[in-house]
């Protein structure tokens, strides 16, 4: 499967509601949005997010708490995990699921 050039994601910034956005599917874009190196976190088998790998060390604003109790700091980008490990855009069902996590 070829890598999608533009993907639909949900961007969640601290103290803000999640927003649906289309972004370029590139490491440069992901790094720019989170403000540094990306760290991957799986939420389900098909949905994960990227956050700033050093968000806590950089004392970025707390964003949300994971089920494990860990606090995610800084801006996060939610996306779909492709079968081949590629970052893919969210579909409508994914979008609704992620939005429900923040209600």
C-alpha atoms as a PDB file:
ATOM      1  CA  UNK A   1       0.000   0.000   0.000  1.00  0.00           C
ATOM      2  CA  UNK A   2       1.282   3.473  -0.784  1.00  0.00           C
ATOM      3  CA  UNK A   3       1.709   6.052   1.938  1.00  0.00           C
ATOM      4  CA  UNK A   4      -1.093   8.623   2.069  1.00  0.00           C
ATOM      5  CA  UNK A   5       0.298  12.137   1.456  1.00  0.00           C
ATOM      6  CA  UNK A   6      -2.478  13.981   3.316  1.00  0.00           C
ATOM      7  CA  UNK A   7      -4.199  12.372   6.291  1.00  0.00           C
ATOM      8  CA  UNK A   8      -7.131  13.229   8.533  1.00  0.00           C
ATOM      9  CA  UNK A   9      -6.082  13.379  12.176  1.00  0.00           C
ATOM     10  CA  UNK A  10      -7.351  14.729  15.461  1.00  0.00           C
ATOM     11  CA  UNK A  11      -5.084  17.227  17.156  1.00  0.00           C
ATOM     12  CA  UNK A  12      -5.528  17.595  20.906  1.00  0.00           C
ATOM     13  CA  UNK A  13      -3.811  20.542  22.550  1.00  0.00           C
ATOM     14  CA  UNK A  14      -3.718  21.091  26.332  1.00  0.00           C
ATOM     15  CA  UNK A  15      -6.828  22.847  27.666  1.00  0.00           C
ATOM     16  CA  UNK A  16      -8.493  22.676  24.217  1.00  0.00           C
ATOM     17  CA  UNK A  17     -11.120  20.478  22.624  1.00  0.00           C
ATOM     18  CA  UNK A  18      -9.847  18.026  19.999  1.00  0.00           C
ATOM     19  CA  UNK A  19      -9.973  19.320  16.424  1.00  0.00           C
ATOM     20  CA  UNK A  20     -10.167  17.388  13.158  1.00  0.00           C
ATOM     21  CA  UNK A  21      -7.525  18.476  10.703  1.00  0.00           C
ATOM     22  CA  UNK A  22      -5.898  17.339   7.485  1.00  0.00           C
ATOM     23  CA  UNK A  23      -2.109  17.374   7.591  1.00  0.00           C
ATOM     24  CA  UNK A  24       0.817  16.305   5.442  1.00  0.00           C
ATOM     25  CA  UNK A  25       1.859  12.764   6.356  1.00  0.00           C
ATOM     26  CA  UNK A  26       5.537  13.471   6.998  1.00  0.00           C
ATOM     27  CA  UNK A  27       7.897  13.221   9.943  1.00  0.00           C
ATOM     28  CA  UNK A  28       8.714  16.922   9.577  1.00  0.00           C
ATOM     29  CA  UNK A  29       5.034  17.881   9.949  1.00  0.00           C
ATOM     30  CA  UNK A  30       4.525  15.578  12.951  1.00  0.00           C
ATOM     31  CA  UNK A  31       7.645  16.962  14.666  1.00  0.00           C
ATOM     32  CA  UNK A  32       6.497  20.522  14.020  1.00  0.00           C
ATOM     33  CA  UNK A  33       3.017  19.938  15.488  1.00  0.00           C
ATOM     34  CA  UNK A  34       4.249  18.289  18.707  1.00  0.00           C
ATOM     35  CA  UNK A  35       7.224  20.643  19.015  1.00  0.00           C
ATOM     36  CA  UNK A  36      10.010  18.064  18.945  1.00  0.00           C
ATOM     37  CA  UNK A  37      10.726  14.375  18.527  1.00  0.00           C
ATOM     38  CA  UNK A  38       7.639  12.176  18.368  1.00  0.00           C
ATOM     39  CA  UNK A  39       6.736   9.334  20.691  1.00  0.00           C
ATOM     40  CA  UNK A  40       4.105   6.783  19.649  1.00  0.00           C
ATOM     41  CA  UNK A  41       1.404   5.602  22.077  1.00  0.00           C
ATOM     42  CA  UNK A  42      -1.150   2.924  21.126  1.00  0.00           C
ATOM     43  CA  UNK A  43      -4.729   3.525  22.277  1.00  0.00           C
ATOM     44  CA  UNK A  44      -6.384   0.583  20.482  1.00  0.00           C
ATOM     45  CA  UNK A  45      -5.288  -1.974  17.893  1.00  0.00           C
ATOM     46  CA  UNK A  46      -6.012   0.565  15.160  1.00  0.00           C
ATOM     47  CA  UNK A  47      -5.681   4.014  16.771  1.00  0.00           C
ATOM     48  CA  UNK A  48      -2.635   5.642  18.292  1.00  0.00           C
ATOM     49  CA  UNK A  49      -1.213   9.069  18.891  1.00  0.00           C
ATOM     50  CA  UNK A  50       2.068  10.901  18.668  1.00  0.00           C
ATOM     51  CA  UNK A  51       3.194  13.280  21.392  1.00  0.00           C
ATOM     52  CA  UNK A  52       6.438  15.044  22.217  1.00  0.00           C
ATOM     53  CA  UNK A  53       8.933  12.432  23.422  1.00  0.00           C
ATOM     54  CA  UNK A  54      10.356  14.909  25.953  1.00  0.00           C
ATOM     55  CA  UNK A  55       7.095  16.649  26.852  1.00  0.00           C
ATOM     56  CA  UNK A  56       7.434  16.106  30.590  1.00  0.00           C
ATOM     57  CA  UNK A  57      11.137  16.976  30.652  1.00  0.00           C
ATOM     58  CA  UNK A  58      10.371  20.181  28.748  1.00  0.00           C
ATOM     59  CA  UNK A  59       7.567  20.879  31.271  1.00  0.00           C
ATOM     60  CA  UNK A  60       4.930  21.146  28.544  1.00  0.00           C
ATOM     61  CA  UNK A  61       1.362  21.692  29.724  1.00  0.00           C
ATOM     62  CA  UNK A  62      -0.498  18.551  30.871  1.00  0.00           C
ATOM     63  CA  UNK A  63      -3.005  17.430  28.228  1.00  0.00           C
ATOM     64  CA  UNK A  64      -4.872  14.327  29.434  1.00  0.00           C
ATOM     65  CA  UNK A  65      -4.518  11.226  31.599  1.00  0.00           C
ATOM     66  CA  UNK A  66      -4.185   7.706  30.197  1.00  0.00           C
ATOM     67  CA  UNK A  67      -5.961   4.700  31.708  1.00  0.00           C
ATOM     68  CA  UNK A  68      -2.580   3.708  33.208  1.00  0.00           C
ATOM     69  CA  UNK A  69      -2.614   6.961  35.195  1.00  0.00           C
ATOM     70  CA  UNK A  70       0.229   8.488  33.184  1.00  0.00           C
ATOM     71  CA  UNK A  71      -0.212  12.122  32.174  1.00  0.00           C
ATOM     72  CA  UNK A  72       0.427  13.077  28.540  1.00  0.00           C
ATOM     73  CA  UNK A  73       1.967  16.530  28.144  1.00  0.00           C
ATOM     74  CA  UNK A  74       1.902  18.810  25.133  1.00  0.00           C
ATOM     75  CA  UNK A  75       0.071  18.564  21.818  1.00  0.00           C
ATOM     76  CA  UNK A  76      -0.983  15.108  20.554  1.00  0.00           C
ATOM     77  CA  UNK A  77      -1.897  13.849  17.082  1.00  0.00           C
ATOM     78  CA  UNK A  78      -4.349  10.925  16.825  1.00  0.00           C
ATOM     79  CA  UNK A  79      -4.211   8.756  13.703  1.00  0.00           C
ATOM     80  CA  UNK A  80      -4.980   5.278  12.364  1.00  0.00           C
ATOM     81  CA  UNK A  81      -2.365   2.512  12.358  1.00  0.00           C
ATOM     82  CA  UNK A  82      -2.184   0.906   8.926  1.00  0.00           C
ATOM     83  CA  UNK A  83      -1.815  -2.845   8.491  1.00  0.00           C
ATOM     84  CA  UNK A  84       1.732  -2.337   7.265  1.00  0.00           C
ATOM     85  CA  UNK A  85       2.662  -0.049  10.166  1.00  0.00           C
ATOM     86  CA  UNK A  86       2.169   3.156   8.192  1.00  0.00           C
ATOM     87  CA  UNK A  87       0.466   6.217   9.640  1.00  0.00           C
ATOM     88  CA  UNK A  88      -2.975   6.546   8.026  1.00  0.00           C
ATOM     89  CA  UNK A  89      -5.833   9.005   8.247  1.00  0.00           C
ATOM     90  CA  UNK A  90      -8.729   8.457  10.631  1.00  0.00           C
ATOM     91  CA  UNK A  91     -12.058   7.313   9.204  1.00  0.00           C
ATOM     92  CA  UNK A  92     -15.408   8.636  10.473  1.00  0.00           C
ATOM     93  CA  UNK A  93     -15.759   5.838  13.048  1.00  0.00           C
ATOM     94  CA  UNK A  94     -12.263   6.545  14.397  1.00  0.00           C
ATOM     95  CA  UNK A  95     -13.029  10.255  14.641  1.00  0.00           C
ATOM     96  CA  UNK A  96     -16.181   9.608  16.676  1.00  0.00           C
ATOM     97  CA  UNK A  97     -14.327   7.207  18.975  1.00  0.00           C
ATOM     98  CA  UNK A  98     -11.499   9.659  19.694  1.00  0.00           C
ATOM     99  CA  UNK A  99     -13.944  12.535  20.200  1.00  0.00           C
ATOM    100  CA  UNK A 100     -15.874  10.427  22.734  1.00  0.00           C
ATOM    101  CA  UNK A 101     -12.703   9.902  24.776  1.00  0.00           C
ATOM    102  CA  UNK A 102     -12.656  13.641  25.514  1.00  0.00           C
ATOM    103  CA  UNK A 103     -16.325  14.248  26.352  1.00  0.00           C
END
